[in-house]
Amino acid sequence: MGKDTALTDALLWDILQERLPAAAVNELVWAYLGYEYDPVQQTWRTERVAAPWRERFPTPPDFIQDRAAIVHLTRSIPPADKQLLKEELGFPGYRVDELTPERTRRATIVNWLLHIRRQHP
């Protein structure tokens, strides 16, 4: 998964419905944030990562497990785009008995990816 991966509705639903593994979800977010792994140097390149992200997260965070990372991602979504899950995917949300931290974080990730898709159609 990388920045060349099209942000299709099907892919976003796969993330929401936990059909895409957490590692692949993280790789997708990392790519869109600008993180690049250099296999020769075995390090993460961050030249394309925006300064606030690069300073706070010099290596790509695990958005599924790291609360601080998902909070930072949430805050990076402009207020006008906070409802894209409902507006563009028709996502009704989870029922209370379906809520888990991972599902909530996946929903945040999908909303952020929708924001990115809107910026770069």
PDB file of N, CA and C in Angstrom:
ATOM      1  N   MET A   1       0.853  -1.174   0.000  1.00  0.00           N
ATOM      2  CA  MET A   1       0.000   0.000   0.000  1.00  0.00           C
ATOM      3  C   MET A   1       0.894   1.230   0.000  1.00  0.00           C
ATOM      4  N   GLY A   2       0.541   2.159  -0.819  1.00  0.00           N
ATOM      5  CA  GLY A   2       1.313   3.388  -0.875  1.00  0.00           C
ATOM      6  C   GLY A   2       0.490   4.505  -1.462  1.00  0.00           C
ATOM      7  N   LYS A   3       1.144   5.601  -1.714  1.00  0.00           N
ATOM      8  CA  LYS A   3       0.450   6.779  -2.221  1.00  0.00           C
ATOM      9  C   LYS A   3      -0.133   6.543  -3.614  1.00  0.00           C
ATOM     10  N   ASP A   4       0.376   5.535  -4.309  1.00  0.00           N
ATOM     11  CA  ASP A   4      -0.160   5.198  -5.624  1.00  0.00           C
ATOM     12  C   ASP A   4      -1.444   4.366  -5.528  1.00  0.00           C
ATOM     13  N   THR A   5      -1.798   3.966  -4.314  1.00  0.00           N
ATOM     14  CA  THR A   5      -3.030   3.209  -4.099  1.00  0.00           C
ATOM     15  C   THR A   5      -4.221   4.165  -4.202  1.00  0.00           C
ATOM     16  N   ALA A   6      -5.140   3.867  -5.097  1.00  0.00           N
ATOM     17  CA  ALA A   6      -6.311   4.720  -5.267  1.00  0.00           C
ATOM     18  C   ALA A   6      -7.220   4.624  -4.039  1.00  0.00           C
ATOM     19  N   LEU A   7      -7.686   5.767  -3.590  1.00  0.00           N
ATOM     20  CA  LEU A   7      -8.573   5.814  -2.424  1.00  0.00           C
ATOM     21  C   LEU A   7     -10.019   5.611  -2.882  1.00  0.00           C
ATOM     22  N   THR A   8     -10.314   4.401  -3.285  1.00  0.00           N
ATOM     23  CA  THR A   8     -11.651   4.072  -3.777  1.00  0.00           C
ATOM     24  C   THR A   8     -12.603   3.856  -2.603  1.00  0.00           C
ATOM     25  N   ASP A   9     -13.890   3.985  -2.880  1.00  0.00           N
ATOM     26  CA  ASP A   9     -14.885   3.694  -1.848  1.00  0.00           C
ATOM     27  C   ASP A   9     -14.738   2.264  -1.345  1.00  0.00           C
ATOM     28  N   ALA A  10     -14.448   1.327  -2.254  1.00  0.00           N
ATOM     29  CA  ALA A  10     -14.303  -0.081  -1.856  1.00  0.00           C
ATOM     30  C   ALA A  10     -13.151  -0.249  -0.872  1.00  0.00           C
ATOM     31  N   LEU A  11     -12.042   0.405  -1.137  1.00  0.00           N
ATOM     32  CA  LEU A  11     -10.899   0.323  -0.223  1.00  0.00           C
ATOM     33  C   LEU A  11     -11.257   0.912   1.141  1.00  0.00           C
ATOM     34  N   LEU A  12     -11.928   2.045   1.134  1.00  0.00           N
ATOM     35  CA  LEU A  12     -12.293   2.700   2.392  1.00  0.00           C
ATOM     36  C   LEU A  12     -13.268   1.842   3.194  1.00  0.00           C
ATOM     37  N   TRP A  13     -14.204   1.195   2.515  1.00  0.00           N
ATOM     38  CA  TRP A  13     -15.112   0.273   3.221  1.00  0.00           C
ATOM     39  C   TRP A  13     -14.341  -0.928   3.782  1.00  0.00           C
ATOM     40  N   ASP A  14     -13.347  -1.402   3.040  1.00  0.00           N
ATOM     41  CA  ASP A  14     -12.523  -2.508   3.547  1.00  0.00           C
ATOM     42  C   ASP A  14     -11.813  -2.113   4.840  1.00  0.00           C
ATOM     43  N   ILE A  15     -11.368  -0.874   4.913  1.00  0.00           N
ATOM     44  CA  ILE A  15     -10.739  -0.392   6.147  1.00  0.00           C
ATOM     45  C   ILE A  15     -11.767  -0.365   7.272  1.00  0.00           C
ATOM     46  N   LEU A  16     -12.927   0.221   7.003  1.00  0.00           N
ATOM     47  CA  LEU A  16     -13.977   0.328   8.029  1.00  0.00           C
ATOM     48  C   LEU A  16     -14.433  -1.034   8.533  1.00  0.00           C
ATOM     49  N   GLN A  17     -14.544  -1.985   7.614  1.00  0.00           N
ATOM     50  CA  GLN A  17     -15.071  -3.300   7.974  1.00  0.00           C
ATOM     51  C   GLN A  17     -13.974  -4.286   8.377  1.00  0.00           C
ATOM     52  N   GLU A  18     -12.788  -3.759   8.642  1.00  0.00           N
ATOM     53  CA  GLU A  18     -11.660  -4.539   9.146  1.00  0.00           C
ATOM     54  C   GLU A  18     -11.238  -5.674   8.216  1.00  0.00           C
ATOM     55  N   ARG A  19     -11.468  -5.500   6.929  1.00  0.00           N
ATOM     56  CA  ARG A  19     -11.017  -6.484   5.943  1.00  0.00           C
ATOM     57  C   ARG A  19      -9.579  -6.207   5.501  1.00  0.00           C
ATOM     58  N   LEU A  20      -9.102  -5.004   5.789  1.00  0.00           N
ATOM     59  CA  LEU A  20      -7.727  -4.638   5.475  1.00  0.00           C
ATOM     60  C   LEU A  20      -6.927  -4.677   6.771  1.00  0.00           C
ATOM     61  N   PRO A  21      -5.828  -5.416   6.802  1.00  0.00           N
ATOM     62  CA  PRO A  21      -5.041  -5.526   8.038  1.00  0.00           C
ATOM     63  C   PRO A  21      -4.533  -4.173   8.526  1.00  0.00           C
ATOM     64  N   ALA A  22      -4.357  -4.064   9.821  1.00  0.00           N
ATOM     65  CA  ALA A  22      -3.892  -2.816  10.435  1.00  0.00           C
ATOM     66  C   ALA A  22      -2.570  -2.357   9.827  1.00  0.00           C
ATOM     67  N   ALA A  23      -1.673  -3.278   9.540  1.00  0.00           N
ATOM     68  CA  ALA A  23      -0.373  -2.909   8.962  1.00  0.00           C
ATOM     69  C   ALA A  23      -0.561  -2.211   7.609  1.00  0.00           C
ATOM     70  N   ALA A  24      -1.464  -2.713   6.791  1.00  0.00           N
ATOM     71  CA  ALA A  24      -1.716  -2.101   5.484  1.00  0.00           C
ATOM     72  C   ALA A  24      -2.373  -0.729   5.638  1.00  0.00           C
ATOM     73  N   VAL A  25      -3.259  -0.603   6.604  1.00  0.00           N
ATOM     74  CA  VAL A  25      -3.908   0.690   6.866  1.00  0.00           C
ATOM     75  C   VAL A  25      -2.849   1.707   7.267  1.00  0.00           C
ATOM     76  N   ASN A  26      -1.975   1.323   8.183  1.00  0.00           N
ATOM     77  CA  ASN A  26      -0.899   2.222   8.603  1.00  0.00           C
ATOM     78  C   ASN A  26      -0.008   2.611   7.429  1.00  0.00           C
ATOM     79  N   GLU A  27       0.378   1.645   6.606  1.00  0.00           N
ATOM     80  CA  GLU A  27       1.237   1.929   5.455  1.00  0.00           C
ATOM     81  C   GLU A  27       0.594   2.959   4.527  1.00  0.00           C
ATOM     82  N   LEU A  28      -0.701   2.854   4.344  1.00  0.00           N
ATOM     83  CA  LEU A  28      -1.416   3.784   3.482  1.00  0.00           C
ATOM     84  C   LEU A  28      -1.377   5.202   4.065  1.00  0.00           C
ATOM     85  N   VAL A  29      -1.656   5.327   5.346  1.00  0.00           N
ATOM     86  CA  VAL A  29      -1.621   6.655   5.987  1.00  0.00           C
ATOM     87  C   VAL A  29      -0.205   7.215   5.948  1.00  0.00           C
ATOM     88  N   TRP A  30       0.784   6.380   6.261  1.00  0.00           N
ATOM     89  CA  TRP A  30       2.170   6.840   6.243  1.00  0.00           C
ATOM     90  C   TRP A  30       2.532   7.410   4.870  1.00  0.00           C
ATOM     91  N   ALA A  31       2.143   6.692   3.824  1.00  0.00           N
ATOM     92  CA  ALA A  31       2.469   7.141   2.469  1.00  0.00           C
ATOM     93  C   ALA A  31       1.843   8.495   2.170  1.00  0.00           C
ATOM     94  N   TYR A  32       0.577   8.666   2.547  1.00  0.00           N
ATOM     95  CA  TYR A  32      -0.088   9.943   2.276  1.00  0.00           C
ATOM     96  C   TYR A  32       0.428  11.071   3.154  1.00  0.00           C
ATOM     97  N   LEU A  33       1.034  10.734   4.288  1.00  0.00           N
ATOM     98  CA  LEU A  33       1.674  11.754   5.117  1.00  0.00           C
ATOM     99  C   LEU A  33       3.070  12.099   4.600  1.00  0.00           C
ATOM    100  N   GLY A  34       3.645  11.240   3.755  1.00  0.00           N
ATOM    101  CA  GLY A  34       4.954  11.511   3.180  1.00  0.00           C
ATOM    102  C   GLY A  34       6.090  10.656   3.711  1.00  0.00           C
ATOM    103  N   TYR A  35       5.812   9.743   4.625  1.00  0.00           N
ATOM    104  CA  TYR A  35       6.859   8.849   5.129  1.00  0.00           C
ATOM    105  C   TYR A  35       7.267   7.869   4.036  1.00  0.00           C
ATOM    106  N   GLU A  36       8.568   7.668   3.875  1.00  0.00           N
ATOM    107  CA  GLU A  36       9.083   6.720   2.882  1.00  0.00           C
ATOM    108  C   GLU A  36      10.166   5.875   3.529  1.00  0.00           C
ATOM    109  N   TYR A  37      10.051   4.575   3.383  1.00  0.00           N
ATOM    110  CA  TYR A  37      11.076   3.692   3.942  1.00  0.00           C
ATOM    111  C   TYR A  37      12.192   3.499   2.929  1.00  0.00           C
ATOM    112  N   ASP A  38      13.425   3.683   3.375  1.00  0.00           N
ATOM    113  CA  ASP A  38      14.608   3.468   2.537  1.00  0.00           C
ATOM    114  C   ASP A  38      15.191   2.108   2.908  1.00  0.00           C
ATOM    115  N   PRO A  39      14.955   1.098   2.070  1.00  0.00           N
ATOM    116  CA  PRO A  39      15.425  -0.249   2.411  1.00  0.00           C
ATOM    117  C   PRO A  39      16.948  -0.378   2.418  1.00  0.00           C
ATOM    118  N   VAL A  40      17.646   0.456   1.668  1.00  0.00           N
ATOM    119  CA  VAL A  40      19.106   0.400   1.641  1.00  0.00           C
ATOM    120  C   VAL A  40      19.666   0.892   2.977  1.00  0.00           C
ATOM    121  N   GLN A  41      19.175   2.051   3.420  1.00  0.00           N
ATOM    122  CA  GLN A  41      19.630   2.633   4.687  1.00  0.00           C
ATOM    123  C   GLN A  41      18.902   2.037   5.892  1.00  0.00           C
ATOM    124  N   GLN A  42      17.808   1.353   5.616  1.00  0.00           N
ATOM    125  CA  GLN A  42      16.952   0.781   6.655  1.00  0.00           C
ATOM    126  C   GLN A  42      16.496   1.851   7.658  1.00  0.00           C
ATOM    127  N   THR A  43      16.066   2.976   7.091  1.00  0.00           N
ATOM    128  CA  THR A  43      15.559   4.085   7.898  1.00  0.00           C
ATOM    129  C   THR A  43      14.358   4.703   7.189  1.00  0.00           C
ATOM    130  N   TRP A  44      13.625   5.496   7.939  1.00  0.00           N
ATOM    131  CA  TRP A  44      12.489   6.223   7.375  1.00  0.00           C
ATOM    132  C   TRP A  44      12.955   7.581   6.898  1.00  0.00           C
ATOM    133  N   ARG A  45      12.578   7.925   5.690  1.00  0.00           N
ATOM    134  CA  ARG A  45      12.850   9.258   5.137  1.00  0.00           C
ATOM    135  C   ARG A  45      11.627  10.118   5.417  1.00  0.00           C
ATOM    136  N   THR A  46      11.878  11.312   5.877  1.00  0.00           N
ATOM    137  CA  THR A  46      10.766  12.188   6.274  1.00  0.00           C
ATOM    138  C   THR A  46      10.800  13.548   5.584  1.00  0.00           C
ATOM    139  N   GLU A  47      11.598  13.691   4.535  1.00  0.00           N
ATOM    140  CA  GLU A  47      11.706  14.976   3.847  1.00  0.00           C
ATOM    141  C   GLU A  47      10.356  15.489   3.347  1.00  0.00           C
ATOM    142  N   ARG A  48       9.463  14.575   2.998  1.00  0.00           N
ATOM    143  CA  ARG A  48       8.152  14.968   2.440  1.00  0.00           C
ATOM    144  C   ARG A  48       7.055  15.032   3.502  1.00  0.00           C
ATOM    145  N   VAL A  49       7.413  14.779   4.739  1.00  0.00           N
ATOM    146  CA  VAL A  49       6.442  14.822   5.834  1.00  0.00           C
ATOM    147  C   VAL A  49       6.356  16.258   6.341  1.00  0.00           C
ATOM    148  N   ALA A  50       5.143  16.761   6.525  1.00  0.00           N
ATOM    149  CA  ALA A  50       4.959  18.127   7.030  1.00  0.00           C
ATOM    150  C   ALA A  50       5.642  18.267   8.393  1.00  0.00           C
ATOM    151  N   ALA A  51       6.210  19.428   8.633  1.00  0.00           N
ATOM    152  CA  ALA A  51       6.996  19.672   9.848  1.00  0.00           C
ATOM    153  C   ALA A  51       6.290  19.269  11.143  1.00  0.00           C
ATOM    154  N   PRO A  52       5.022  19.630  11.339  1.00  0.00           N
ATOM    155  CA  PRO A  52       4.382  19.235  12.604  1.00  0.00           C
ATOM    156  C   PRO A  52       4.359  17.727  12.824  1.00  0.00           C
ATOM    157  N   TRP A  53       4.164  16.968  11.750  1.00  0.00           N
ATOM    158  CA  TRP A  53       4.173  15.506  11.852  1.00  0.00           C
ATOM    159  C   TRP A  53       5.582  14.997  12.088  1.00  0.00           C
ATOM    160  N   ARG A  54       6.509  15.514  11.309  1.00  0.00           N
ATOM    161  CA  ARG A  54       7.906  15.058  11.394  1.00  0.00           C
ATOM    162  C   ARG A  54       8.480  15.322  12.785  1.00  0.00           C
ATOM    163  N   GLU A  55       8.160  16.478  13.365  1.00  0.00           N
ATOM    164  CA  GLU A  55       8.682  16.825  14.689  1.00  0.00           C
ATOM    165  C   GLU A  55       8.073  15.939  15.779  1.00  0.00           C
ATOM    166  N   ARG A  56       6.794  15.705  15.682  1.00  0.00           N
ATOM    167  CA  ARG A  56       6.121  14.914  16.722  1.00  0.00           C
ATOM    168  C   ARG A  56       6.339  13.413  16.539  1.00  0.00           C
ATOM    169  N   PHE A  57       6.389  12.994  15.276  1.00  0.00           N
ATOM    170  CA  PHE A  57       6.530  11.566  14.963  1.00  0.00           C
ATOM    171  C   PHE A  57       7.670  11.380  13.953  1.00  0.00           C
ATOM    172  N   PRO A  58       8.932  11.347  14.422  1.00  0.00           N
ATOM    173  CA  PRO A  58      10.063  11.197  13.502  1.00  0.00           C
ATOM    174  C   PRO A  58      10.067   9.848  12.768  1.00  0.00           C
ATOM    175  N   THR A  59       9.401   8.865  13.334  1.00  0.00           N
ATOM    176  CA  THR A  59       9.158   7.606  12.631  1.00  0.00           C
ATOM    177  C   THR A  59       7.640   7.438  12.576  1.00  0.00           C
ATOM    178  N   PRO A  60       7.138   6.768  11.561  1.00  0.00           N
ATOM    179  CA  PRO A  60       5.682   6.679  11.411  1.00  0.00           C
ATOM    180  C   PRO A  60       5.024   5.953  12.589  1.00  0.00           C
ATOM    181  N   PRO A  61       3.971   6.554  13.136  1.00  0.00           N
ATOM    182  CA  PRO A  61       3.286   5.935  14.276  1.00  0.00           C
ATOM    183  C   PRO A  61       2.282   4.870  13.843  1.00  0.00           C
ATOM    184  N   ASP A  62       1.907   4.054  14.787  1.00  0.00           N
ATOM    185  CA  ASP A  62       0.868   3.046  14.577  1.00  0.00           C
ATOM    186  C   ASP A  62      -0.465   3.708  14.906  1.00  0.00           C
ATOM    187  N   PHE A  63      -1.213   4.058  13.879  1.00  0.00           N
ATOM    188  CA  PHE A  63      -2.461   4.787  14.080  1.00  0.00           C
ATOM    189  C   PHE A  63      -3.555   3.937  14.715  1.00  0.00           C
ATOM    190  N   ILE A  64      -3.427   2.632  14.638  1.00  0.00           N
ATOM    191  CA  ILE A  64      -4.425   1.758  15.230  1.00  0.00           C
ATOM    192  C   ILE A  64      -4.193   1.623  16.735  1.00  0.00           C
ATOM    193  N   GLN A  65      -2.930   1.648  17.151  1.00  0.00           N
ATOM    194  CA  GLN A  65      -2.595   1.425  18.563  1.00  0.00           C
ATOM    195  C   GLN A  65      -2.242   2.694  19.342  1.00  0.00           C
ATOM    196  N   ASP A  66      -1.741   3.720  18.667  1.00  0.00           N
ATOM    197  CA  ASP A  66      -1.214   4.907  19.337  1.00  0.00           C
ATOM    198  C   ASP A  66      -2.271   6.005  19.426  1.00  0.00           C
ATOM    199  N   ARG A  67      -2.782   6.215  20.625  1.00  0.00           N
ATOM    200  CA  ARG A  67      -3.832   7.209  20.819  1.00  0.00           C
ATOM    201  C   ARG A  67      -3.371   8.610  20.424  1.00  0.00           C
ATOM    202  N   ALA A  68      -2.135   8.979  20.793  1.00  0.00           N
ATOM    203  CA  ALA A  68      -1.633  10.320  20.469  1.00  0.00           C
ATOM    204  C   ALA A  68      -1.606  10.554  18.959  1.00  0.00           C
ATOM    205  N   ALA A  69      -1.247   9.528  18.203  1.00  0.00           N
ATOM    206  CA  ALA A  69      -1.183   9.657  16.750  1.00  0.00           C
ATOM    207  C   ALA A  69      -2.574   9.860  16.149  1.00  0.00           C
ATOM    208  N   ILE A  70      -3.546   9.108  16.623  1.00  0.00           N
ATOM    209  CA  ILE A  70      -4.894   9.230  16.057  1.00  0.00           C
ATOM    210  C   ILE A  70      -5.523  10.561  16.456  1.00  0.00           C
ATOM    211  N   VAL A  71      -5.208  11.056  17.646  1.00  0.00           N
ATOM    212  CA  VAL A  71      -5.702  12.380  18.060  1.00  0.00           C
ATOM    213  C   VAL A  71      -5.113  13.448  17.143  1.00  0.00           C
ATOM    214  N   HIS A  72      -3.824  13.337  16.849  1.00  0.00           N
ATOM    215  CA  HIS A  72      -3.163  14.299  15.957  1.00  0.00           C
ATOM    216  C   HIS A  72      -3.791  14.236  14.558  1.00  0.00           C
ATOM    217  N   LEU A  73      -4.084  13.025  14.089  1.00  0.00           N
ATOM    218  CA  LEU A  73      -4.716  12.862  12.778  1.00  0.00           C
ATOM    219  C   LEU A  73      -6.110  13.493  12.774  1.00  0.00           C
ATOM    220  N   THR A  74      -6.859  13.261  13.838  1.00  0.00           N
ATOM    221  CA  THR A  74      -8.210  13.832  13.950  1.00  0.00           C
ATOM    222  C   THR A  74      -8.162  15.348  13.885  1.00  0.00           C
ATOM    223  N   ARG A  75      -7.237  15.931  14.606  1.00  0.00           N
ATOM    224  CA  ARG A  75      -7.131  17.395  14.652  1.00  0.00           C
ATOM    225  C   ARG A  75      -6.672  17.992  13.329  1.00  0.00           C
ATOM    226  N   SER A  76      -6.076  17.169  12.477  1.00  0.00           N
ATOM    227  CA  SER A  76      -5.614  17.673  11.183  1.00  0.00           C
ATOM    228  C   SER A  76      -6.737  17.723  10.135  1.00  0.00           C
ATOM    229  N   ILE A  77      -7.903  17.188  10.470  1.00  0.00           N
ATOM    230  CA  ILE A  77      -9.041  17.229   9.543  1.00  0.00           C
ATOM    231  C   ILE A  77      -9.788  18.545   9.764  1.00  0.00           C
ATOM    232  N   PRO A  78      -9.924  19.370   8.724  1.00  0.00           N
ATOM    233  CA  PRO A  78     -10.640  20.635   8.878  1.00  0.00           C
ATOM    234  C   PRO A  78     -12.111  20.401   9.258  1.00  0.00           C
ATOM    235  N   PRO A  79     -12.693  21.321  10.042  1.00  0.00           N
ATOM    236  CA  PRO A  79     -14.094  21.162  10.456  1.00  0.00           C
ATOM    237  C   PRO A  79     -15.053  20.882   9.293  1.00  0.00           C
ATOM    238  N   ALA A  80     -14.817  21.495   8.148  1.00  0.00           N
ATOM    239  CA  ALA A  80     -15.708  21.304   6.994  1.00  0.00           C
ATOM    240  C   ALA A  80     -15.693  19.866   6.482  1.00  0.00           C
ATOM    241  N   ASP A  81     -14.644  19.107   6.813  1.00  0.00           N
ATOM    242  CA  ASP A  81     -14.524  17.735   6.323  1.00  0.00           C
ATOM    243  C   ASP A  81     -14.772  16.676   7.401  1.00  0.00           C
ATOM    244  N   LYS A  82     -15.237  17.072   8.557  1.00  0.00           N
ATOM    245  CA  LYS A  82     -15.414  16.126   9.669  1.00  0.00           C
ATOM    246  C   LYS A  82     -16.542  15.113   9.440  1.00  0.00           C
ATOM    247  N   GLN A  83     -17.445  15.400   8.519  1.00  0.00           N
ATOM    248  CA  GLN A  83     -18.592  14.519   8.282  1.00  0.00           C
ATOM    249  C   GLN A  83     -18.506  13.756   6.963  1.00  0.00           C
ATOM    250  N   LEU A  84     -17.315  13.642   6.410  1.00  0.00           N
ATOM    251  CA  LEU A  84     -17.179  12.996   5.100  1.00  0.00           C
ATOM    252  C   LEU A  84     -17.574  11.522   5.104  1.00  0.00           C
ATOM    253  N   LEU A  85     -17.418  10.856   6.233  1.00  0.00           N
ATOM    254  CA  LEU A  85     -17.860   9.450   6.303  1.00  0.00           C
ATOM    255  C   LEU A  85     -19.340   9.337   5.965  1.00  0.00           C
ATOM    256  N   LYS A  86     -20.127  10.213   6.519  1.00  0.00           N
ATOM    257  CA  LYS A  86     -21.570  10.196   6.248  1.00  0.00           C
ATOM    258  C   LYS A  86     -21.878  10.759   4.874  1.00  0.00           C
ATOM    259  N   GLU A  87     -21.253  11.884   4.534  1.00  0.00           N
ATOM    260  CA  GLU A  87     -21.570  12.586   3.290  1.00  0.00           C
ATOM    261  C   GLU A  87     -21.142  11.822   2.041  1.00  0.00           C
ATOM    262  N   GLU A  88     -19.953  11.237   2.060  1.00  0.00           N
ATOM    263  CA  GLU A  88     -19.438  10.601   0.844  1.00  0.00           C
ATOM    264  C   GLU A  88     -19.607   9.086   0.819  1.00  0.00           C
ATOM    265  N   LEU A  89     -19.569   8.451   1.981  1.00  0.00           N
ATOM    266  CA  LEU A  89     -19.714   6.991   2.008  1.00  0.00           C
ATOM    267  C   LEU A  89     -21.082   6.541   2.506  1.00  0.00           C
ATOM    268  N   GLY A  90     -21.836   7.458   3.080  1.00  0.00           N
ATOM    269  CA  GLY A  90     -23.124   7.074   3.654  1.00  0.00           C
ATOM    270  C   GLY A  90     -22.969   6.206   4.886  1.00  0.00           C
ATOM    271  N   PHE A  91     -21.824   6.311   5.553  1.00  0.00           N
ATOM    272  CA  PHE A  91     -21.553   5.499   6.740  1.00  0.00           C
ATOM    273  C   PHE A  91     -22.414   5.977   7.901  1.00  0.00           C
ATOM    274  N   PRO A  92     -23.257   5.090   8.440  1.00  0.00           N
ATOM    275  CA  PRO A  92     -24.167   5.507   9.509  1.00  0.00           C
ATOM    276  C   PRO A  92     -23.508   5.539  10.890  1.00  0.00           C
ATOM    277  N   GLY A  93     -22.290   5.022  10.977  1.00  0.00           N
ATOM    278  CA  GLY A  93     -21.621   4.909  12.271  1.00  0.00           C
ATOM    279  C   GLY A  93     -21.816   3.508  12.822  1.00  0.00           C
ATOM    280  N   TYR A  94     -21.160   3.251  13.929  1.00  0.00           N
ATOM    281  CA  TYR A  94     -21.287   1.958  14.585  1.00  0.00           C
ATOM    282  C   TYR A  94     -22.353   2.033  15.657  1.00  0.00           C
ATOM    283  N   ARG A  95     -23.016   0.913  15.903  1.00  0.00           N
ATOM    284  CA  ARG A  95     -23.911   0.830  17.056  1.00  0.00           C
ATOM    285  C   ARG A  95     -23.045   0.767  18.312  1.00  0.00           C
ATOM    286  N   VAL A  96     -23.598   1.141  19.432  1.00  0.00           N
ATOM    287  CA  VAL A  96     -22.842   1.162  20.685  1.00  0.00           C
ATOM    288  C   VAL A  96     -22.215  -0.197  20.975  1.00  0.00           C
ATOM    289  N   ASP A  97     -22.943  -1.267  20.719  1.00  0.00           N
ATOM    290  CA  ASP A  97     -22.409  -2.601  21.015  1.00  0.00           C
ATOM    291  C   ASP A  97     -21.320  -3.034  20.023  1.00  0.00           C
ATOM    292  N   GLU A  98     -21.101  -2.264  18.962  1.00  0.00           N
ATOM    293  CA  GLU A  98     -20.069  -2.572  17.977  1.00  0.00           C
ATOM    294  C   GLU A  98     -18.788  -1.759  18.193  1.00  0.00           C
ATOM    295  N   LEU A  99     -18.859  -0.752  19.056  1.00  0.00           N
ATOM    296  CA  LEU A  99     -17.732   0.156  19.226  1.00  0.00           C
ATOM    297  C   LEU A  99     -16.535  -0.513  19.904  1.00  0.00           C
ATOM    298  N   THR A 100     -15.387  -0.314  19.296  1.00  0.00           N
ATOM    299  CA  THR A 100     -14.118  -0.719  19.890  1.00  0.00           C
ATOM    300  C   THR A 100     -13.122   0.393  19.558  1.00  0.00           C
ATOM    301  N   PRO A 101     -12.043   0.505  20.321  1.00  0.00           N
ATOM    302  CA  PRO A 101     -11.043   1.524  19.979  1.00  0.00           C
ATOM    303  C   PRO A 101     -10.522   1.375  18.541  1.00  0.00           C
ATOM    304  N   GLU A 102     -10.307   0.134  18.100  1.00  0.00           N
ATOM    305  CA  GLU A 102      -9.788  -0.054  16.739  1.00  0.00           C
ATOM    306  C   GLU A 102     -10.788   0.418  15.691  1.00  0.00           C
ATOM    307  N   ARG A 103     -12.041   0.096  15.845  1.00  0.00           N
ATOM    308  CA  ARG A 103     -13.050   0.537  14.866  1.00  0.00           C
ATOM    309  C   ARG A 103     -13.174   2.053  14.842  1.00  0.00           C
ATOM    310  N   THR A 104     -13.138   2.665  16.009  1.00  0.00           N
ATOM    311  CA  THR A 104     -13.212   4.127  16.086  1.00  0.00           C
ATOM    312  C   THR A 104     -12.017   4.746  15.368  1.00  0.00           C
ATOM    313  N   ARG A 105     -10.851   4.179  15.578  1.00  0.00           N
ATOM    314  CA  ARG A 105      -9.642   4.702  14.939  1.00  0.00           C
ATOM    315  C   ARG A 105      -9.667   4.467  13.440  1.00  0.00           C
ATOM    316  N   ARG A 106     -10.192   3.337  13.010  1.00  0.00           N
ATOM    317  CA  ARG A 106     -10.323   3.080  11.575  1.00  0.00           C
ATOM    318  C   ARG A 106     -11.287   4.093  10.940  1.00  0.00           C
ATOM    319  N   ALA A 107     -12.360   4.420  11.634  1.00  0.00           N
ATOM    320  CA  ALA A 107     -13.300   5.414  11.113  1.00  0.00           C
ATOM    321  C   ALA A 107     -12.618   6.774  10.979  1.00  0.00           C
ATOM    322  N   THR A 108     -11.808   7.141  11.947  1.00  0.00           N
ATOM    323  CA  THR A 108     -11.064   8.401  11.878  1.00  0.00           C
ATOM    324  C   THR A 108     -10.102   8.386  10.698  1.00  0.00           C
ATOM    325  N   ILE A 109      -9.415   7.271  10.505  1.00  0.00           N
ATOM    326  CA  ILE A 109      -8.479   7.142   9.391  1.00  0.00           C
ATOM    327  C   ILE A 109      -9.205   7.287   8.060  1.00  0.00           C
ATOM    328  N   VAL A 110     -10.344   6.628   7.926  1.00  0.00           N
ATOM    329  CA  VAL A 110     -11.106   6.722   6.672  1.00  0.00           C
ATOM    330  C   VAL A 110     -11.576   8.154   6.452  1.00  0.00           C
ATOM    331  N   ASN A 111     -12.024   8.829   7.499  1.00  0.00           N
ATOM    332  CA  ASN A 111     -12.445  10.214   7.342  1.00  0.00           C
ATOM    333  C   ASN A 111     -11.275  11.083   6.878  1.00  0.00           C
ATOM    334  N   TRP A 112     -10.076  10.844   7.449  1.00  0.00           N
ATOM    335  CA  TRP A 112      -8.890  11.594   7.041  1.00  0.00           C
ATOM    336  C   TRP A 112      -8.539  11.285   5.584  1.00  0.00           C
ATOM    337  N   LEU A 113      -8.626  10.010   5.188  1.00  0.00           N
ATOM    338  CA  LEU A 113      -8.344   9.647   3.798  1.00  0.00           C
ATOM    339  C   LEU A 113      -9.351  10.275   2.839  1.00  0.00           C
ATOM    340  N   LEU A 114     -10.603  10.377   3.253  1.00  0.00           N
ATOM    341  CA  LEU A 114     -11.605  11.068   2.442  1.00  0.00           C
ATOM    342  C   LEU A 114     -11.239  12.546   2.288  1.00  0.00           C
ATOM    343  N   HIS A 115     -10.759  13.143   3.349  1.00  0.00           N
ATOM    344  CA  HIS A 115     -10.286  14.533   3.296  1.00  0.00           C
ATOM    345  C   HIS A 115      -9.143  14.649   2.287  1.00  0.00           C
ATOM    346  N   ILE A 116      -8.197  13.717   2.333  1.00  0.00           N
ATOM    347  CA  ILE A 116      -7.068  13.717   1.383  1.00  0.00           C
ATOM    348  C   ILE A 116      -7.586  13.528  -0.037  1.00  0.00           C
ATOM    349  N   ARG A 117      -8.519  12.620  -0.217  1.00  0.00           N
ATOM    350  CA  ARG A 117      -9.092  12.368  -1.556  1.00  0.00           C
ATOM    351  C   ARG A 117      -9.784  13.615  -2.079  1.00  0.00           C
ATOM    352  N   ARG A 118     -10.445  14.340  -1.222  1.00  0.00           N
ATOM    353  CA  ARG A 118     -11.131  15.565  -1.628  1.00  0.00           C
ATOM    354  C   ARG A 118     -10.107  16.625  -2.066  1.00  0.00           C
ATOM    355  N   GLN A 119      -8.982  16.680  -1.385  1.00  0.00           N
ATOM    356  CA  GLN A 119      -7.944  17.660  -1.725  1.00  0.00           C
ATOM    357  C   GLN A 119      -7.239  17.299  -3.024  1.00  0.00           C
ATOM    358  N   HIS A 120      -7.084  16.000  -3.290  1.00  0.00           N
ATOM    359  CA  HIS A 120      -6.331  15.510  -4.457  1.00  0.00           C
ATOM    360  C   HIS A 120      -7.153  14.488  -5.225  1.00  0.00           C
ATOM    361  N   PRO A 121      -8.191  14.966  -5.936  1.00  0.00           N
ATOM    362  CA  PRO A 121      -9.065  14.021  -6.643  1.00  0.00           C
ATOM    363  C   PRO A 121      -8.359  13.243  -7.744  1.00  0.00           C
TER     364      PRO A 121
END
